[in-house]
Amino acid sequence: MLLQIDGTFLIAGLSFILFVMIMNWILYEPMMRILGEREDFYNMNSEAAAEAKSKTEAILEESKQKISSTQKEAQELIKKTSESAKTKKSQTLKTAKEACGHKICDVQQTVDVQIRNVKNELHGEISNFVDEITAKVIGRKMSPAILDTQRIEQLLSGNEKGGGNV
């Protein structure tokens, strides 16, 4: 047989067991402790990273909501400002139109008064002119009652109905 069990075998076996125990105490236990610490450290950092990630996502979502609400508020403000400007514009235009209308009425009244004054002046001048022409053509002076004042008014207003000359 190849293997003999004698004192050297027992010493070799005991030395091996002693060697394994010393190696366990010097090498394997510290290595297992370090591996356990690394795993704990990894788990702890993994949890912290997950927490940080969730907080970051929450902050990002909150900032997106704030940006969205701010954009909505800005759009509403722009809309209100635009409507306000349109209202102010229409009121300003209405006021300006009314003011122009009043000015036009005032100018029209002034022009009407001036036209009446000119017509009155012309009426007197035409009457005198007709008297002079009649006196020169007929040779005698006619009475003012004979003159057709309505015909003179028609000539001054430009509404000649008679179709003939004076």
N, C-alpha and C. Protein backbone atom coordinates (compact mmCIF):
# COMPACT_ATOMS: atom_id res chain seq x y z
N MET A 1 0.78 -1.16 0.00
CA MET A 1 0.00 0.00 0.00
C MET A 1 0.84 1.25 0.00
N LEU A 2 0.32 2.11 -0.50
CA LEU A 2 1.04 3.35 -0.70
C LEU A 2 0.99 4.24 0.54
N LEU A 3 -0.04 4.21 1.17
CA LEU A 3 -0.21 5.12 2.30
C LEU A 3 -0.07 4.33 3.59
N GLN A 4 0.83 4.72 4.36
CA GLN A 4 1.03 4.07 5.64
C GLN A 4 0.66 5.04 6.74
N ILE A 5 -0.04 4.52 7.68
CA ILE A 5 -0.45 5.36 8.78
C ILE A 5 0.56 5.11 9.88
N ASP A 6 1.38 6.06 10.08
CA ASP A 6 2.35 6.00 11.14
C ASP A 6 2.45 7.36 11.81
N GLY A 7 3.44 7.65 12.58
CA GLY A 7 3.59 8.88 13.35
C GLY A 7 3.76 10.09 12.44
N THR A 8 4.43 9.94 11.34
CA THR A 8 4.63 11.07 10.44
C THR A 8 3.34 11.49 9.79
N PHE A 9 2.51 10.50 9.52
CA PHE A 9 1.21 10.84 8.93
C PHE A 9 0.39 11.63 9.92
N LEU A 10 0.43 11.24 11.18
CA LEU A 10 -0.33 11.94 12.19
C LEU A 10 0.25 13.35 12.41
N ILE A 11 1.53 13.48 12.39
CA ILE A 11 2.13 14.81 12.56
C ILE A 11 1.80 15.67 11.35
N ALA A 12 1.84 15.10 10.17
CA ALA A 12 1.50 15.87 8.96
C ALA A 12 0.04 16.27 9.01
N GLY A 13 -0.84 15.38 9.48
CA GLY A 13 -2.26 15.71 9.58
C GLY A 13 -2.51 16.80 10.60
N LEU A 14 -1.83 16.66 11.78
CA LEU A 14 -1.99 17.69 12.80
C LEU A 14 -1.38 19.01 12.34
N SER A 15 -0.26 18.96 11.65
CA SER A 15 0.31 20.20 11.13
C SER A 15 -0.62 20.85 10.11
N PHE A 16 -1.25 20.03 9.29
CA PHE A 16 -2.18 20.60 8.30
C PHE A 16 -3.37 21.25 9.00
N ILE A 17 -3.92 20.58 9.99
CA ILE A 17 -5.07 21.14 10.73
C ILE A 17 -4.62 22.41 11.44
N LEU A 18 -3.45 22.38 12.06
CA LEU A 18 -2.93 23.57 12.72
C LEU A 18 -2.69 24.68 11.69
N PHE A 19 -2.17 24.33 10.54
CA PHE A 19 -1.95 25.31 9.46
C PHE A 19 -3.26 25.94 9.01
N VAL A 20 -4.29 25.14 8.83
CA VAL A 20 -5.61 25.64 8.41
C VAL A 20 -6.18 26.54 9.47
N MET A 21 -6.02 26.19 10.73
CA MET A 21 -6.55 27.03 11.81
C MET A 21 -5.79 28.36 11.87
N ILE A 22 -4.49 28.32 11.72
CA ILE A 22 -3.70 29.55 11.74
C ILE A 22 -4.06 30.41 10.52
N MET A 23 -4.19 29.78 9.38
CA MET A 23 -4.57 30.51 8.15
C MET A 23 -5.98 31.11 8.30
N ASN A 24 -6.85 30.36 8.92
CA ASN A 24 -8.20 30.86 9.15
C ASN A 24 -8.13 32.08 10.05
N TRP A 25 -7.32 31.98 11.10
CA TRP A 25 -7.23 33.08 12.05
C TRP A 25 -6.47 34.26 11.43
N ILE A 26 -5.44 34.07 10.67
CA ILE A 26 -4.63 35.15 10.10
C ILE A 26 -5.20 35.66 8.78
N LEU A 27 -5.72 34.80 7.94
CA LEU A 27 -6.08 35.20 6.59
C LEU A 27 -7.58 35.21 6.35
N TYR A 28 -8.24 34.11 6.56
CA TYR A 28 -9.64 33.99 6.15
C TYR A 28 -10.58 34.86 6.97
N GLU A 29 -10.44 34.89 8.26
CA GLU A 29 -11.34 35.71 9.09
C GLU A 29 -11.17 37.20 8.76
N PRO A 30 -9.93 37.74 8.69
CA PRO A 30 -9.82 39.15 8.31
C PRO A 30 -10.34 39.42 6.90
N MET A 31 -10.08 38.47 5.99
CA MET A 31 -10.57 38.66 4.63
C MET A 31 -12.10 38.65 4.61
N MET A 32 -12.72 37.76 5.32
CA MET A 32 -14.19 37.69 5.36
C MET A 32 -14.75 38.95 6.05
N ARG A 33 -14.05 39.42 7.09
CA ARG A 33 -14.49 40.64 7.76
C ARG A 33 -14.41 41.82 6.79
N ILE A 34 -13.31 41.92 6.04
CA ILE A 34 -13.15 43.02 5.07
C ILE A 34 -14.20 42.92 3.97
N LEU A 35 -14.46 41.71 3.49
CA LEU A 35 -15.50 41.54 2.47
C LEU A 35 -16.88 41.93 3.02
N GLY A 36 -17.15 41.58 4.28
CA GLY A 36 -18.42 41.96 4.91
C GLY A 36 -18.53 43.48 5.04
N GLU A 37 -17.42 44.11 5.44
CA GLU A 37 -17.43 45.57 5.56
C GLU A 37 -17.64 46.22 4.20
N ARG A 38 -17.00 45.67 3.18
CA ARG A 38 -17.19 46.21 1.83
C ARG A 38 -18.64 46.07 1.38
N GLU A 39 -19.21 44.93 1.65
CA GLU A 39 -20.61 44.71 1.26
C GLU A 39 -21.53 45.68 2.02
N ASP A 40 -21.28 45.85 3.31
CA ASP A 40 -22.07 46.82 4.09
C ASP A 40 -21.88 48.24 3.54
N PHE A 41 -20.61 48.58 3.26
CA PHE A 41 -20.32 49.91 2.70
C PHE A 41 -21.03 50.10 1.36
N TYR A 42 -21.00 49.08 0.52
CA TYR A 42 -21.66 49.14 -0.79
C TYR A 42 -23.16 49.29 -0.61
N ASN A 43 -23.77 48.50 0.27
CA ASN A 43 -25.21 48.58 0.51
C ASN A 43 -25.60 49.95 1.05
N MET A 44 -24.78 50.46 1.98
CA MET A 44 -25.07 51.77 2.56
C MET A 44 -24.98 52.85 1.47
N ASN A 45 -23.92 52.82 0.68
CA ASN A 45 -23.77 53.81 -0.39
C ASN A 45 -24.82 53.63 -1.48
N SER A 46 -25.20 52.40 -1.72
CA SER A 46 -26.25 52.13 -2.71
C SER A 46 -27.57 52.75 -2.25
N GLU A 47 -27.88 52.59 -0.96
CA GLU A 47 -29.10 53.18 -0.42
C GLU A 47 -29.03 54.71 -0.47
N ALA A 48 -27.86 55.26 -0.12
CA ALA A 48 -27.69 56.73 -0.17
C ALA A 48 -27.82 57.23 -1.59
N ALA A 49 -27.26 56.47 -2.53
CA ALA A 49 -27.36 56.87 -3.94
C ALA A 49 -28.81 56.81 -4.41
N ALA A 50 -29.54 55.78 -3.98
CA ALA A 50 -30.95 55.66 -4.36
C ALA A 50 -31.75 56.82 -3.77
N GLU A 51 -31.45 57.16 -2.50
CA GLU A 51 -32.13 58.31 -1.87
C GLU A 51 -31.82 59.60 -2.61
N ALA A 52 -30.54 59.80 -2.94
CA ALA A 52 -30.14 61.00 -3.64
C ALA A 52 -30.80 61.07 -5.02
N LYS A 53 -30.88 59.92 -5.65
CA LYS A 53 -31.53 59.88 -6.98
C LYS A 53 -33.01 60.22 -6.87
N SER A 54 -33.69 59.66 -5.87
CA SER A 54 -35.11 59.96 -5.71
C SER A 54 -35.33 61.43 -5.35
N LYS A 55 -34.45 61.99 -4.50
CA LYS A 55 -34.56 63.41 -4.15
C LYS A 55 -34.32 64.27 -5.39
N THR A 56 -33.34 63.89 -6.18
CA THR A 56 -33.03 64.64 -7.41
C THR A 56 -34.22 64.60 -8.36
N GLU A 57 -34.82 63.43 -8.51
CA GLU A 57 -35.99 63.30 -9.37
C GLU A 57 -37.15 64.13 -8.85
N ALA A 58 -37.34 64.14 -7.53
CA ALA A 58 -38.41 64.95 -6.93
C ALA A 58 -38.16 66.43 -7.16
N ILE A 59 -36.91 66.86 -6.96
CA ILE A 59 -36.58 68.27 -7.19
C ILE A 59 -36.76 68.62 -8.66
N LEU A 60 -36.36 67.73 -9.55
CA LEU A 60 -36.51 67.96 -10.99
C LEU A 60 -37.99 68.07 -11.36
N GLU A 61 -38.81 67.19 -10.82
CA GLU A 61 -40.25 67.23 -11.10
C GLU A 61 -40.87 68.52 -10.55
N GLU A 62 -40.45 68.90 -9.35
CA GLU A 62 -40.95 70.14 -8.75
C GLU A 62 -40.56 71.35 -9.59
N SER A 63 -39.32 71.36 -10.06
CA SER A 63 -38.88 72.49 -10.88
C SER A 63 -39.63 72.52 -12.22
N LYS A 64 -39.91 71.35 -12.78
CA LYS A 64 -40.71 71.30 -14.02
C LYS A 64 -42.11 71.86 -13.77
N GLN A 65 -42.71 71.50 -12.65
CA GLN A 65 -44.03 72.01 -12.31
C GLN A 65 -44.00 73.52 -12.12
N LYS A 66 -42.96 74.01 -11.43
CA LYS A 66 -42.84 75.45 -11.23
C LYS A 66 -42.68 76.17 -12.56
N ILE A 67 -41.85 75.62 -13.44
CA ILE A 67 -41.64 76.23 -14.76
C ILE A 67 -42.95 76.23 -15.53
N SER A 68 -43.67 75.12 -15.48
CA SER A 68 -44.95 75.02 -16.18
C SER A 68 -45.95 76.04 -15.64
N SER A 69 -46.05 76.12 -14.32
CA SER A 69 -47.00 77.08 -13.73
C SER A 69 -46.59 78.52 -14.03
N THR A 70 -45.29 78.77 -14.02
CA THR A 70 -44.80 80.12 -14.33
C THR A 70 -45.10 80.47 -15.79
N GLN A 71 -44.94 79.50 -16.68
CA GLN A 71 -45.26 79.75 -18.09
C GLN A 71 -46.75 80.02 -18.25
N LYS A 72 -47.59 79.26 -17.56
CA LYS A 72 -49.03 79.50 -17.63
C LYS A 72 -49.38 80.89 -17.11
N GLU A 73 -48.77 81.27 -15.98
CA GLU A 73 -49.02 82.60 -15.42
C GLU A 73 -48.56 83.68 -16.39
N ALA A 74 -47.42 83.46 -17.03
CA ALA A 74 -46.90 84.44 -17.99
C ALA A 74 -47.85 84.56 -19.19
N GLN A 75 -48.37 83.43 -19.67
CA GLN A 75 -49.31 83.47 -20.78
C GLN A 75 -50.59 84.19 -20.39
N GLU A 76 -51.08 83.93 -19.17
CA GLU A 76 -52.28 84.61 -18.71
C GLU A 76 -52.02 86.11 -18.58
N LEU A 77 -50.86 86.47 -18.06
CA LEU A 77 -50.51 87.89 -17.92
C LEU A 77 -50.42 88.55 -19.29
N ILE A 78 -49.81 87.87 -20.24
CA ILE A 78 -49.71 88.41 -21.60
C ILE A 78 -51.11 88.57 -22.19
N LYS A 79 -51.97 87.58 -21.98
CA LYS A 79 -53.33 87.65 -22.51
C LYS A 79 -54.09 88.82 -21.88
N LYS A 80 -53.98 88.96 -20.55
CA LYS A 80 -54.68 90.05 -19.87
C LYS A 80 -54.15 91.41 -20.33
N THR A 81 -52.83 91.50 -20.47
CA THR A 81 -52.22 92.75 -20.91
C THR A 81 -52.66 93.07 -22.33
N SER A 82 -52.71 92.05 -23.18
CA SER A 82 -53.14 92.25 -24.57
C SER A 82 -54.60 92.71 -24.61
N GLU A 83 -55.45 92.06 -23.82
CA GLU A 83 -56.85 92.47 -23.78
C GLU A 83 -56.99 93.89 -23.24
N SER A 84 -56.22 94.19 -22.22
CA SER A 84 -56.25 95.53 -21.64
C SER A 84 -55.82 96.57 -22.67
N ALA A 85 -54.76 96.23 -23.41
CA ALA A 85 -54.27 97.16 -24.44
C ALA A 85 -55.31 97.35 -25.54
N LYS A 86 -55.98 96.25 -25.93
CA LYS A 86 -57.02 96.35 -26.96
C LYS A 86 -58.18 97.22 -26.47
N THR A 87 -58.57 97.02 -25.21
CA THR A 87 -59.66 97.81 -24.64
C THR A 87 -59.26 99.29 -24.59
N LYS A 88 -58.05 99.54 -24.13
CA LYS A 88 -57.57 100.92 -24.04
C LYS A 88 -57.49 101.54 -25.43
N LYS A 89 -57.05 100.75 -26.41
CA LYS A 89 -56.95 101.24 -27.78
C LYS A 89 -58.34 101.61 -28.31
N SER A 90 -59.32 100.71 -28.09
CA SER A 90 -60.66 100.99 -28.60
C SER A 90 -61.26 102.20 -27.89
N GLN A 91 -61.01 102.34 -26.58
CA GLN A 91 -61.52 103.50 -25.85
C GLN A 91 -60.86 104.78 -26.35
N THR A 92 -59.57 104.71 -26.59
CA THR A 92 -58.84 105.88 -27.09
C THR A 92 -59.35 106.26 -28.47
N LEU A 93 -59.55 105.27 -29.33
CA LEU A 93 -60.07 105.54 -30.67
C LEU A 93 -61.49 106.13 -30.59
N LYS A 94 -62.30 105.57 -29.71
CA LYS A 94 -63.67 106.07 -29.56
C LYS A 94 -63.64 107.53 -29.09
N THR A 95 -62.80 107.80 -28.09
CA THR A 95 -62.68 109.17 -27.58
C THR A 95 -62.17 110.11 -28.67
N ALA A 96 -61.19 109.65 -29.43
CA ALA A 96 -60.64 110.49 -30.51
C ALA A 96 -61.69 110.74 -31.58
N LYS A 97 -62.46 109.69 -31.93
CA LYS A 97 -63.52 109.85 -32.94
C LYS A 97 -64.57 110.84 -32.45
N GLU A 98 -64.94 110.73 -31.17
CA GLU A 98 -65.93 111.66 -30.62
C GLU A 98 -65.39 113.09 -30.64
N ALA A 99 -64.13 113.24 -30.27
CA ALA A 99 -63.52 114.57 -30.28
C ALA A 99 -63.48 115.13 -31.69
N CYS A 100 -63.11 114.27 -32.65
CA CYS A 100 -63.08 114.72 -34.05
C CYS A 100 -64.49 115.06 -34.52
N GLY A 101 -65.45 114.24 -34.10
CA GLY A 101 -66.85 114.51 -34.48
C GLY A 101 -67.31 115.86 -33.95
N HIS A 102 -66.95 116.15 -32.70
CA HIS A 102 -67.32 117.44 -32.12
C HIS A 102 -66.62 118.58 -32.85
N LYS A 103 -65.35 118.38 -33.17
CA LYS A 103 -64.62 119.42 -33.89
C LYS A 103 -65.22 119.63 -35.27
N ILE A 104 -65.59 118.52 -35.94
CA ILE A 104 -66.19 118.63 -37.27
C ILE A 104 -67.52 119.38 -37.17
N CYS A 105 -68.32 119.06 -36.16
CA CYS A 105 -69.60 119.76 -35.98
C CYS A 105 -69.35 121.25 -35.74
N ASP A 106 -68.37 121.56 -34.90
CA ASP A 106 -68.06 122.97 -34.63
C ASP A 106 -67.62 123.68 -35.90
N VAL A 107 -66.75 123.03 -36.67
CA VAL A 107 -66.27 123.63 -37.92
C VAL A 107 -67.43 123.76 -38.91
N GLN A 108 -68.29 122.73 -38.97
CA GLN A 108 -69.44 122.78 -39.88
C GLN A 108 -70.37 123.94 -39.51
N GLN A 109 -70.59 124.12 -38.22
CA GLN A 109 -71.44 125.23 -37.78
C GLN A 109 -70.80 126.57 -38.13
N THR A 110 -69.48 126.66 -37.94
CA THR A 110 -68.78 127.89 -38.28
C THR A 110 -68.88 128.16 -39.78
N VAL A 111 -68.71 127.12 -40.58
CA VAL A 111 -68.81 127.27 -42.04
C VAL A 111 -70.23 127.66 -42.43
N ASP A 112 -71.23 127.03 -41.81
CA ASP A 112 -72.63 127.37 -42.11
C ASP A 112 -72.93 128.84 -41.79
N VAL A 113 -72.40 129.30 -40.65
CA VAL A 113 -72.61 130.71 -40.27
C VAL A 113 -71.94 131.62 -41.29
N GLN A 114 -70.73 131.27 -41.70
CA GLN A 114 -70.02 132.10 -42.68
C GLN A 114 -70.75 132.09 -44.03
N ILE A 115 -71.28 130.91 -44.42
CA ILE A 115 -72.04 130.83 -45.68
C ILE A 115 -73.27 131.73 -45.60
N ARG A 116 -74.00 131.68 -44.48
CA ARG A 116 -75.18 132.54 -44.33
C ARG A 116 -74.81 134.02 -44.42
N ASN A 117 -73.70 134.37 -43.74
CA ASN A 117 -73.27 135.77 -43.79
C ASN A 117 -72.92 136.20 -45.21
N VAL A 118 -72.20 135.33 -45.92
CA VAL A 118 -71.83 135.65 -47.31
C VAL A 118 -73.07 135.74 -48.18
N LYS A 119 -74.04 134.82 -47.98
CA LYS A 119 -75.27 134.86 -48.77
C LYS A 119 -76.04 136.15 -48.51
N ASN A 120 -76.10 136.54 -47.23
CA ASN A 120 -76.81 137.78 -46.90
C ASN A 120 -76.14 138.99 -47.57
N GLU A 121 -74.79 138.99 -47.53
CA GLU A 121 -74.07 140.09 -48.18
C GLU A 121 -74.32 140.07 -49.68
N LEU A 122 -74.25 138.84 -50.27
CA LEU A 122 -74.48 138.73 -51.71
C LEU A 122 -75.92 139.09 -52.09
N HIS A 123 -76.85 138.73 -51.23
CA HIS A 123 -78.27 139.04 -51.52
C HIS A 123 -78.46 140.56 -51.67
N GLY A 124 -77.85 141.26 -50.74
CA GLY A 124 -77.96 142.73 -50.83
C GLY A 124 -77.24 143.25 -52.06
N GLU A 125 -76.09 142.72 -52.37
CA GLU A 125 -75.34 143.19 -53.54
C GLU A 125 -76.06 142.83 -54.83
N ILE A 126 -76.63 141.60 -54.88
CA ILE A 126 -77.37 141.20 -56.09
C ILE A 126 -78.59 142.08 -56.28
N SER A 127 -79.28 142.38 -55.18
CA SER A 127 -80.46 143.26 -55.28
C SER A 127 -80.05 144.61 -55.85
N ASN A 128 -78.98 145.18 -55.35
CA ASN A 128 -78.49 146.46 -55.85
C ASN A 128 -78.06 146.35 -57.31
N PHE A 129 -77.38 145.25 -57.63
CA PHE A 129 -76.92 145.05 -59.00
C PHE A 129 -78.10 144.91 -59.95
N VAL A 130 -79.14 144.15 -59.54
CA VAL A 130 -80.34 143.99 -60.38
C VAL A 130 -81.04 145.33 -60.55
N ASP A 131 -81.10 146.11 -59.49
CA ASP A 131 -81.73 147.44 -59.59
C ASP A 131 -80.99 148.30 -60.60
N GLU A 132 -79.68 148.28 -60.54
CA GLU A 132 -78.88 149.10 -61.46
C GLU A 132 -79.04 148.63 -62.90
N ILE A 133 -79.00 147.30 -63.11
CA ILE A 133 -79.14 146.77 -64.47
C ILE A 133 -80.53 147.08 -65.01
N THR A 134 -81.55 146.88 -64.17
CA THR A 134 -82.92 147.14 -64.61
C THR A 134 -83.08 148.62 -64.96
N ALA A 135 -82.47 149.46 -64.15
CA ALA A 135 -82.60 150.90 -64.41
C ALA A 135 -81.90 151.26 -65.70
N LYS A 136 -80.78 150.63 -66.00
CA LYS A 136 -80.07 150.94 -67.23
C LYS A 136 -80.80 150.37 -68.44
N VAL A 137 -81.37 149.16 -68.32
CA VAL A 137 -82.05 148.54 -69.46
C VAL A 137 -83.40 149.21 -69.72
N ILE A 138 -84.17 149.38 -68.71
CA ILE A 138 -85.52 149.96 -68.89
C ILE A 138 -85.45 151.47 -68.93
N GLY A 139 -84.53 152.00 -68.27
CA GLY A 139 -84.41 153.44 -68.25
C GLY A 139 -85.06 154.05 -67.04
N ARG A 140 -85.61 153.31 -66.19
CA ARG A 140 -86.19 153.84 -64.97
C ARG A 140 -85.92 152.89 -63.82
N LYS A 141 -86.02 153.38 -62.62
CA LYS A 141 -85.73 152.59 -61.43
C LYS A 141 -86.98 151.85 -61.02
N MET A 142 -86.82 150.54 -60.65
CA MET A 142 -87.97 149.74 -60.27
C MET A 142 -88.03 149.65 -58.75
N SER A 143 -89.19 149.33 -58.25
CA SER A 143 -89.34 149.22 -56.80
C SER A 143 -88.77 147.87 -56.32
N PRO A 144 -88.25 147.84 -55.11
CA PRO A 144 -87.66 146.60 -54.60
C PRO A 144 -88.69 145.47 -54.46
N ALA A 145 -89.94 145.75 -54.36
CA ALA A 145 -90.97 144.73 -54.22
C ALA A 145 -91.09 143.90 -55.48
N ILE A 146 -90.74 144.47 -56.62
CA ILE A 146 -90.87 143.76 -57.88
C ILE A 146 -89.80 142.67 -58.01
N LEU A 147 -88.67 142.85 -57.38
CA LEU A 147 -87.58 141.87 -57.47
C LEU A 147 -88.03 140.54 -56.87
N ASP A 148 -87.69 139.49 -57.50
CA ASP A 148 -88.03 138.15 -57.04
C ASP A 148 -86.94 137.67 -56.06
N THR A 149 -87.24 137.83 -54.76
CA THR A 149 -86.24 137.45 -53.75
C THR A 149 -86.04 135.93 -53.71
N GLN A 150 -87.09 135.18 -54.04
CA GLN A 150 -86.93 133.72 -54.06
C GLN A 150 -85.98 133.29 -55.17
N ARG A 151 -86.05 133.97 -56.28
CA ARG A 151 -85.18 133.64 -57.40
C ARG A 151 -83.72 133.95 -57.03
N ILE A 152 -83.49 135.02 -56.30
CA ILE A 152 -82.15 135.37 -55.86
C ILE A 152 -81.62 134.30 -54.90
N GLU A 153 -82.49 133.84 -53.98
CA GLU A 153 -82.10 132.78 -53.05
C GLU A 153 -81.74 131.51 -53.81
N GLN A 154 -82.50 131.17 -54.84
CA GLN A 154 -82.19 129.98 -55.64
C GLN A 154 -80.84 130.12 -56.32
N LEU A 155 -80.55 131.30 -56.83
CA LEU A 155 -79.27 131.51 -57.50
C LEU A 155 -78.11 131.39 -56.50
N LEU A 156 -78.31 131.92 -55.29
CA LEU A 156 -77.25 131.86 -54.29
C LEU A 156 -77.03 130.43 -53.79
N SER A 157 -78.11 129.65 -53.65
CA SER A 157 -77.96 128.30 -53.16
C SER A 157 -77.56 127.33 -54.27
N GLY A 158 -77.67 127.75 -55.52
CA GLY A 158 -77.27 126.90 -56.63
C GLY A 158 -78.37 125.96 -57.07
N ASN A 159 -79.59 126.13 -56.57
CA ASN A 159 -80.73 125.27 -56.94
C ASN A 159 -81.63 126.03 -57.89
N GLU A 160 -81.23 126.15 -59.11
CA GLU A 160 -82.01 126.89 -60.08
C GLU A 160 -83.12 125.99 -60.60
N LYS A 161 -84.38 126.35 -60.33
CA LYS A 161 -85.51 125.53 -60.76
C LYS A 161 -86.14 126.08 -62.02
N GLY A 162 -86.02 127.37 -62.21
CA GLY A 162 -86.73 128.03 -63.30
C GLY A 162 -86.17 127.68 -64.66
N GLY A 163 -84.93 127.41 -64.79
CA GLY A 163 -84.34 127.04 -66.05
C GLY A 163 -84.02 128.23 -66.90
N GLY A 164 -84.37 129.43 -66.55
CA GLY A 164 -84.10 130.62 -67.35
C GLY A 164 -83.14 131.53 -66.64
N ASN A 165 -82.75 132.59 -67.29
CA ASN A 165 -81.86 133.57 -66.71
C ASN A 165 -82.64 134.70 -66.11
N VAL A 166 -82.09 135.42 -65.16
CA VAL A 166 -82.75 136.55 -64.52
C VAL A 166 -82.63 137.74 -65.40
